[in-house]
Amino acid sequence: MKKIFMTVAVFLFIIGCSNDENIDATPEQEDEKPLEEQIIEVLEENDFFPPEDIVDYEIKDDYIYVFMHSQLNGLSLALLKHNSESLEWLMGEKDIGDTASFGYRGEDEASPIVTIAFAEDPAIKDVKIEGEYAKRIQLTQELTDDYSVEVKYWIHFSEMSEVSEEDLEDLPSKSVEYIR
């Protein structure tokens, strides 16, 4: 009796766990483009940079921070907002110098603030921003067959709510420590 019960239980378990439903994609899913394609379209619509200059993008909440680098323009940033149906252009900043902070404050919303520390000194190994280690982004750009350039920069995110209106004018953060 136990063998029959166990056999029936195993059979029902296997049947219950199998999922033979054939789920078709909805028309919206078929038309939805990958995020990378959407980012490229928004950059092109706003005459920012060619897609080959994109080196990284970071997603924080509903905001997408797109980092670009080219030998001609240096390090640049585009800030996009991801809505339920599309991406919206918020701002773009070209040729970021040594240290810069960017954020967007709308009427009823605020993006996280990104602080970017850019250093050409190869002796710099790490960066602390606001007392926290920043994320390092490092890449090698091939300029010719026998010449390349190492590019590294650090990024740190903080909430806009942590920054008062007066502090927005003092951006970039004064608390940047380069570690050799």
C-alpha atoms as a PDB file:
ATOM      1  CA  MET A   1       0.000   0.000   0.000  1.00  0.00           C
ATOM      2  CA  LYS A   2       2.837   2.376   0.865  1.00  0.00           C
ATOM      3  CA  LYS A   3       4.506   1.656  -2.500  1.00  0.00           C
ATOM      4  CA  ILE A   4       1.322   2.496  -4.405  1.00  0.00           C
ATOM      5  CA  PHE A   5       0.820   5.670  -2.384  1.00  0.00           C
ATOM      6  CA  MET A   6       4.457   6.757  -2.939  1.00  0.00           C
ATOM      7  CA  THR A   7       4.235   5.977  -6.672  1.00  0.00           C
ATOM      8  CA  VAL A   8       1.014   7.988  -7.032  1.00  0.00           C
ATOM      9  CA  ALA A   9       2.476  10.858  -4.956  1.00  0.00           C
ATOM     10  CA  VAL A  10       5.645  10.971  -7.086  1.00  0.00           C
ATOM     11  CA  PHE A  11       3.583  10.795 -10.295  1.00  0.00           C
ATOM     12  CA  LEU A  12       1.310  13.645  -9.177  1.00  0.00           C
ATOM     13  CA  PHE A  13       4.316  15.671  -8.051  1.00  0.00           C
ATOM     14  CA  ILE A  14       5.994  15.282 -11.439  1.00  0.00           C
ATOM     15  CA  ILE A  15       2.786  16.116 -13.304  1.00  0.00           C
ATOM     16  CA  GLY A  16       2.151  19.105 -11.022  1.00  0.00           C
ATOM     17  CA  CYS A  17       5.690  20.479 -11.486  1.00  0.00           C
ATOM     18  CA  SER A  18       5.702  20.268 -15.251  1.00  0.00           C
ATOM     19  CA  ASN A  19       4.566  23.390 -17.024  1.00  0.00           C
ATOM     20  CA  ASP A  20       3.428  22.718 -20.543  1.00  0.00           C
ATOM     21  CA  GLU A  21       1.777  26.095 -20.977  1.00  0.00           C
ATOM     22  CA  ASN A  22       2.860  27.795 -24.145  1.00  0.00           C
ATOM     23  CA  ILE A  23       3.089  31.461 -23.257  1.00  0.00           C
ATOM     24  CA  ASP A  24       3.218  33.710 -26.293  1.00  0.00           C
ATOM     25  CA  ALA A  25       4.849  37.116 -26.149  1.00  0.00           C
ATOM     26  CA  THR A  26       2.485  40.021 -26.124  1.00  0.00           C
ATOM     27  CA  PRO A  27       2.758  42.537 -28.984  1.00  0.00           C
ATOM     28  CA  GLU A  28       4.370  45.046 -26.589  1.00  0.00           C
ATOM     29  CA  GLN A  29       7.106  42.559 -25.688  1.00  0.00           C
ATOM     30  CA  GLU A  30       7.826  41.820 -29.338  1.00  0.00           C
ATOM     31  CA  ASP A  31       8.208  45.523 -30.178  1.00  0.00           C
ATOM     32  CA  GLU A  32      10.239  46.433 -27.097  1.00  0.00           C
ATOM     33  CA  LYS A  33      13.844  47.226 -27.954  1.00  0.00           C
ATOM     34  CA  PRO A  34      16.768  46.269 -25.758  1.00  0.00           C
ATOM     35  CA  LEU A  35      17.891  48.969 -23.339  1.00  0.00           C
ATOM     36  CA  GLU A  36      21.179  49.535 -25.174  1.00  0.00           C
ATOM     37  CA  GLU A  37      19.332  50.298 -28.424  1.00  0.00           C
ATOM     38  CA  GLN A  38      17.003  52.712 -26.624  1.00  0.00           C
ATOM     39  CA  ILE A  39      19.998  54.515 -25.075  1.00  0.00           C
ATOM     40  CA  ILE A  40      21.682  54.879 -28.460  1.00  0.00           C
ATOM     41  CA  GLU A  41      18.487  56.256 -30.028  1.00  0.00           C
ATOM     42  CA  VAL A  42      18.092  58.909 -27.301  1.00  0.00           C
ATOM     43  CA  LEU A  43      21.760  59.953 -27.608  1.00  0.00           C
ATOM     44  CA  GLU A  44      21.420  60.256 -31.393  1.00  0.00           C
ATOM     45  CA  GLU A  45      18.145  62.209 -31.119  1.00  0.00           C
ATOM     46  CA  ASN A  46      19.942  64.740 -28.897  1.00  0.00           C
ATOM     47  CA  ASP A  47      23.068  64.908 -31.091  1.00  0.00           C
ATOM     48  CA  PHE A  48      25.269  63.757 -28.252  1.00  0.00           C
ATOM     49  CA  PHE A  49      27.994  61.257 -29.156  1.00  0.00           C
ATOM     50  CA  PRO A  50      28.283  58.284 -31.442  1.00  0.00           C
ATOM     51  CA  PRO A  51      27.475  54.939 -29.789  1.00  0.00           C
ATOM     52  CA  GLU A  52      31.043  53.703 -30.094  1.00  0.00           C
ATOM     53  CA  ASP A  53      32.055  56.291 -27.454  1.00  0.00           C
ATOM     54  CA  ILE A  54      29.891  54.633 -24.761  1.00  0.00           C
ATOM     55  CA  VAL A  55      32.153  52.976 -22.191  1.00  0.00           C
ATOM     56  CA  ASP A  56      29.737  52.315 -19.321  1.00  0.00           C
ATOM     57  CA  TYR A  57      26.288  53.001 -17.998  1.00  0.00           C
ATOM     58  CA  GLU A  58      24.958  52.822 -14.469  1.00  0.00           C
ATOM     59  CA  ILE A  59      21.311  52.471 -13.465  1.00  0.00           C
ATOM     60  CA  LYS A  60      20.191  54.080 -10.214  1.00  0.00           C
ATOM     61  CA  ASP A  61      16.475  54.052  -9.458  1.00  0.00           C
ATOM     62  CA  ASP A  62      14.750  55.271 -12.650  1.00  0.00           C
ATOM     63  CA  TYR A  63      17.848  57.083 -13.905  1.00  0.00           C
ATOM     64  CA  ILE A  64      20.492  55.908 -16.354  1.00  0.00           C
ATOM     65  CA  TYR A  65      23.932  57.515 -16.301  1.00  0.00           C
ATOM     66  CA  VAL A  66      25.699  56.947 -19.627  1.00  0.00           C
ATOM     67  CA  PHE A  67      29.463  57.489 -19.636  1.00  0.00           C
ATOM     68  CA  MET A  68      31.276  58.155 -22.887  1.00  0.00           C
ATOM     69  CA  HIS A  69      34.924  58.693 -23.694  1.00  0.00           C
ATOM     70  CA  SER A  70      36.727  59.702 -26.848  1.00  0.00           C
ATOM     71  CA  GLN A  71      40.199  61.031 -27.412  1.00  0.00           C
ATOM     72  CA  LEU A  72      38.731  64.182 -28.958  1.00  0.00           C
ATOM     73  CA  ASN A  73      36.058  64.963 -26.323  1.00  0.00           C
ATOM     74  CA  GLY A  74      37.415  63.298 -23.190  1.00  0.00           C
ATOM     75  CA  LEU A  75      35.012  61.928 -20.580  1.00  0.00           C
ATOM     76  CA  SER A  76      31.336  62.867 -20.971  1.00  0.00           C
ATOM     77  CA  LEU A  77      28.050  62.021 -19.257  1.00  0.00           C
ATOM     78  CA  ALA A  78      24.435  61.793 -20.365  1.00  0.00           C
ATOM     79  CA  LEU A  79      21.619  61.465 -17.838  1.00  0.00           C
ATOM     80  CA  LEU A  80      18.418  59.728 -18.940  1.00  0.00           C
ATOM     81  CA  LYS A  81      15.214  58.857 -17.107  1.00  0.00           C
ATOM     82  CA  HIS A  82      13.588  55.507 -17.663  1.00  0.00           C
ATOM     83  CA  ASN A  83       9.815  55.838 -17.861  1.00  0.00           C
ATOM     84  CA  SER A  84       7.549  52.826 -18.154  1.00  0.00           C
ATOM     85  CA  GLU A  85       7.421  53.138 -21.931  1.00  0.00           C
ATOM     86  CA  SER A  86      10.528  55.045 -22.989  1.00  0.00           C
ATOM     87  CA  LEU A  87      13.737  56.828 -22.114  1.00  0.00           C
ATOM     88  CA  GLU A  88      13.721  60.570 -21.579  1.00  0.00           C
ATOM     89  CA  TRP A  89      16.730  62.851 -22.095  1.00  0.00           C
ATOM     90  CA  LEU A  90      17.482  64.961 -18.999  1.00  0.00           C
ATOM     91  CA  MET A  91      20.963  66.389 -19.546  1.00  0.00           C
ATOM     92  CA  GLY A  92      24.344  65.886 -21.121  1.00  0.00           C
ATOM     93  CA  GLU A  93      27.739  67.153 -20.046  1.00  0.00           C
ATOM     94  CA  LYS A  94      30.770  67.098 -22.310  1.00  0.00           C
ATOM     95  CA  ASP A  95      34.453  67.203 -21.436  1.00  0.00           C
ATOM     96  CA  ILE A  96      34.373  66.506 -17.708  1.00  0.00           C
ATOM     97  CA  GLY A  97      37.508  67.784 -15.995  1.00  0.00           C
ATOM     98  CA  ASP A  98      39.220  66.427 -12.894  1.00  0.00           C
ATOM     99  CA  THR A  99      36.172  66.253 -10.607  1.00  0.00           C
ATOM    100  CA  ALA A 100      32.528  67.010 -11.304  1.00  0.00           C
ATOM    101  CA  SER A 101      29.137  66.229  -9.785  1.00  0.00           C
ATOM    102  CA  PHE A 102      25.844  66.017 -11.615  1.00  0.00           C
ATOM    103  CA  GLY A 103      22.263  65.540 -10.624  1.00  0.00           C
ATOM    104  CA  TYR A 104      18.825  66.457 -11.843  1.00  0.00           C
ATOM    105  CA  ARG A 105      16.159  68.087  -9.730  1.00  0.00           C
ATOM    106  CA  GLY A 106      12.719  68.376 -11.279  1.00  0.00           C
ATOM    107  CA  GLU A 107       9.551  69.801  -9.783  1.00  0.00           C
ATOM    108  CA  ASP A 108       8.618  66.631  -7.934  1.00  0.00           C
ATOM    109  CA  GLU A 109      11.630  64.368  -8.363  1.00  0.00           C
ATOM    110  CA  ALA A 110      15.379  64.262  -7.981  1.00  0.00           C
ATOM    111  CA  SER A 111      17.991  61.919  -9.372  1.00  0.00           C
ATOM    112  CA  PRO A 112      20.872  60.562  -7.339  1.00  0.00           C
ATOM    113  CA  ILE A 113      23.955  62.744  -7.650  1.00  0.00           C
ATOM    114  CA  VAL A 114      26.944  61.215  -9.385  1.00  0.00           C
ATOM    115  CA  THR A 115      30.395  62.541  -8.538  1.00  0.00           C
ATOM    116  CA  ILE A 116      33.073  61.723 -11.089  1.00  0.00           C
ATOM    117  CA  ALA A 117      36.767  61.878 -10.293  1.00  0.00           C
ATOM    118  CA  PHE A 118      39.005  61.696 -13.343  1.00  0.00           C
ATOM    119  CA  ALA A 119      42.757  61.342 -12.999  1.00  0.00           C
ATOM    120  CA  GLU A 120      45.439  60.837 -15.607  1.00  0.00           C
ATOM    121  CA  ASP A 121      48.118  60.138 -12.982  1.00  0.00           C
ATOM    122  CA  PRO A 122      48.896  56.395 -13.190  1.00  0.00           C
ATOM    123  CA  ALA A 123      50.062  56.403  -9.550  1.00  0.00           C
ATOM    124  CA  ILE A 124      46.493  56.941  -8.315  1.00  0.00           C
ATOM    125  CA  LYS A 125      45.121  53.553  -7.272  1.00  0.00           C
ATOM    126  CA  ASP A 126      41.832  54.484  -5.553  1.00  0.00           C
ATOM    127  CA  VAL A 127      39.578  57.404  -4.783  1.00  0.00           C
ATOM    128  CA  LYS A 128      37.383  58.109  -1.779  1.00  0.00           C
ATOM    129  CA  ILE A 129      34.438  60.458  -2.187  1.00  0.00           C
ATOM    130  CA  GLU A 130      32.506  61.573   0.873  1.00  0.00           C
ATOM    131  CA  GLY A 131      34.608  59.090   2.864  1.00  0.00           C
ATOM    132  CA  GLU A 132      33.511  56.085   0.762  1.00  0.00           C
ATOM    133  CA  TYR A 133      35.481  54.240  -1.888  1.00  0.00           C
ATOM    134  CA  ALA A 134      34.299  55.143  -5.357  1.00  0.00           C
ATOM    135  CA  LYS A 135      33.769  52.627  -8.160  1.00  0.00           C
ATOM    136  CA  ARG A 136      36.673  52.589 -10.607  1.00  0.00           C
ATOM    137  CA  ILE A 137      36.017  52.353 -14.335  1.00  0.00           C
ATOM    138  CA  GLN A 138      39.113  51.574 -16.373  1.00  0.00           C
ATOM    139  CA  LEU A 139      39.507  51.097 -20.103  1.00  0.00           C
ATOM    140  CA  THR A 140      42.155  50.991 -22.778  1.00  0.00           C
ATOM    141  CA  GLN A 141      41.554  52.926 -25.964  1.00  0.00           C
ATOM    142  CA  GLU A 142      43.437  51.812 -29.035  1.00  0.00           C
ATOM    143  CA  LEU A 143      44.371  54.952 -30.944  1.00  0.00           C
ATOM    144  CA  THR A 144      46.564  53.283 -33.550  1.00  0.00           C
ATOM    145  CA  ASP A 145      47.894  49.765 -34.059  1.00  0.00           C
ATOM    146  CA  ASP A 146      50.833  50.433 -31.755  1.00  0.00           C
ATOM    147  CA  TYR A 147      49.557  53.183 -29.438  1.00  0.00           C
ATOM    148  CA  SER A 148      46.891  52.974 -26.742  1.00  0.00           C
ATOM    149  CA  VAL A 149      45.795  55.124 -23.830  1.00  0.00           C
ATOM    150  CA  GLU A 150      44.709  53.956 -20.377  1.00  0.00           C
ATOM    151  CA  VAL A 151      41.680  55.830 -19.076  1.00  0.00           C
ATOM    152  CA  LYS A 152      40.394  55.489 -15.540  1.00  0.00           C
ATOM    153  CA  TYR A 153      37.825  57.398 -13.585  1.00  0.00           C
ATOM    154  CA  TRP A 154      35.872  56.838 -10.409  1.00  0.00           C
ATOM    155  CA  ILE A 155      32.172  57.337  -9.747  1.00  0.00           C
ATOM    156  CA  HIS A 156      30.228  57.714  -6.520  1.00  0.00           C
ATOM    157  CA  PHE A 157      26.474  58.116  -6.064  1.00  0.00           C
ATOM    158  CA  SER A 158      24.715  59.978  -3.272  1.00  0.00           C
ATOM    159  CA  GLU A 159      21.067  60.816  -2.820  1.00  0.00           C
ATOM    160  CA  MET A 160      19.883  64.281  -3.782  1.00  0.00           C
ATOM    161  CA  SER A 161      17.948  64.398  -0.509  1.00  0.00           C
ATOM    162  CA  GLU A 162      21.307  64.358   1.300  1.00  0.00           C
ATOM    163  CA  VAL A 163      22.275  67.582  -0.492  1.00  0.00           C
ATOM    164  CA  SER A 164      20.704  70.908   0.400  1.00  0.00           C
ATOM    165  CA  GLU A 165      19.928  73.619  -2.159  1.00  0.00           C
ATOM    166  CA  GLU A 166      22.991  75.578  -1.028  1.00  0.00           C
ATOM    167  CA  ASP A 167      25.224  72.525  -1.393  1.00  0.00           C
ATOM    168  CA  LEU A 168      24.081  72.047  -4.996  1.00  0.00           C
ATOM    169  CA  GLU A 169      25.951  75.206  -5.867  1.00  0.00           C
ATOM    170  CA  ASP A 170      29.111  73.822  -4.232  1.00  0.00           C
ATOM    171  CA  LEU A 171      29.213  70.711  -6.358  1.00  0.00           C
ATOM    172  CA  PRO A 172      31.450  68.905  -7.101  1.00  0.00           C
ATOM    173  CA  SER A 173      32.010  67.436  -3.720  1.00  0.00           C
ATOM    174  CA  LYS A 174      34.925  68.957  -1.876  1.00  0.00           C
ATOM    175  CA  SER A 175      35.510  65.646  -0.155  1.00  0.00           C
ATOM    176  CA  VAL A 176      37.555  63.795  -2.782  1.00  0.00           C
ATOM    177  CA  GLU A 177      40.656  61.921  -1.656  1.00  0.00           C
ATOM    178  CA  TYR A 178      43.066  60.460  -4.216  1.00  0.00           C
ATOM    179  CA  ILE A 179      44.917  57.390  -2.919  1.00  0.00           C
ATOM    180  CA  ARG A 180      48.311  56.488  -4.339  1.00  0.00           C
END
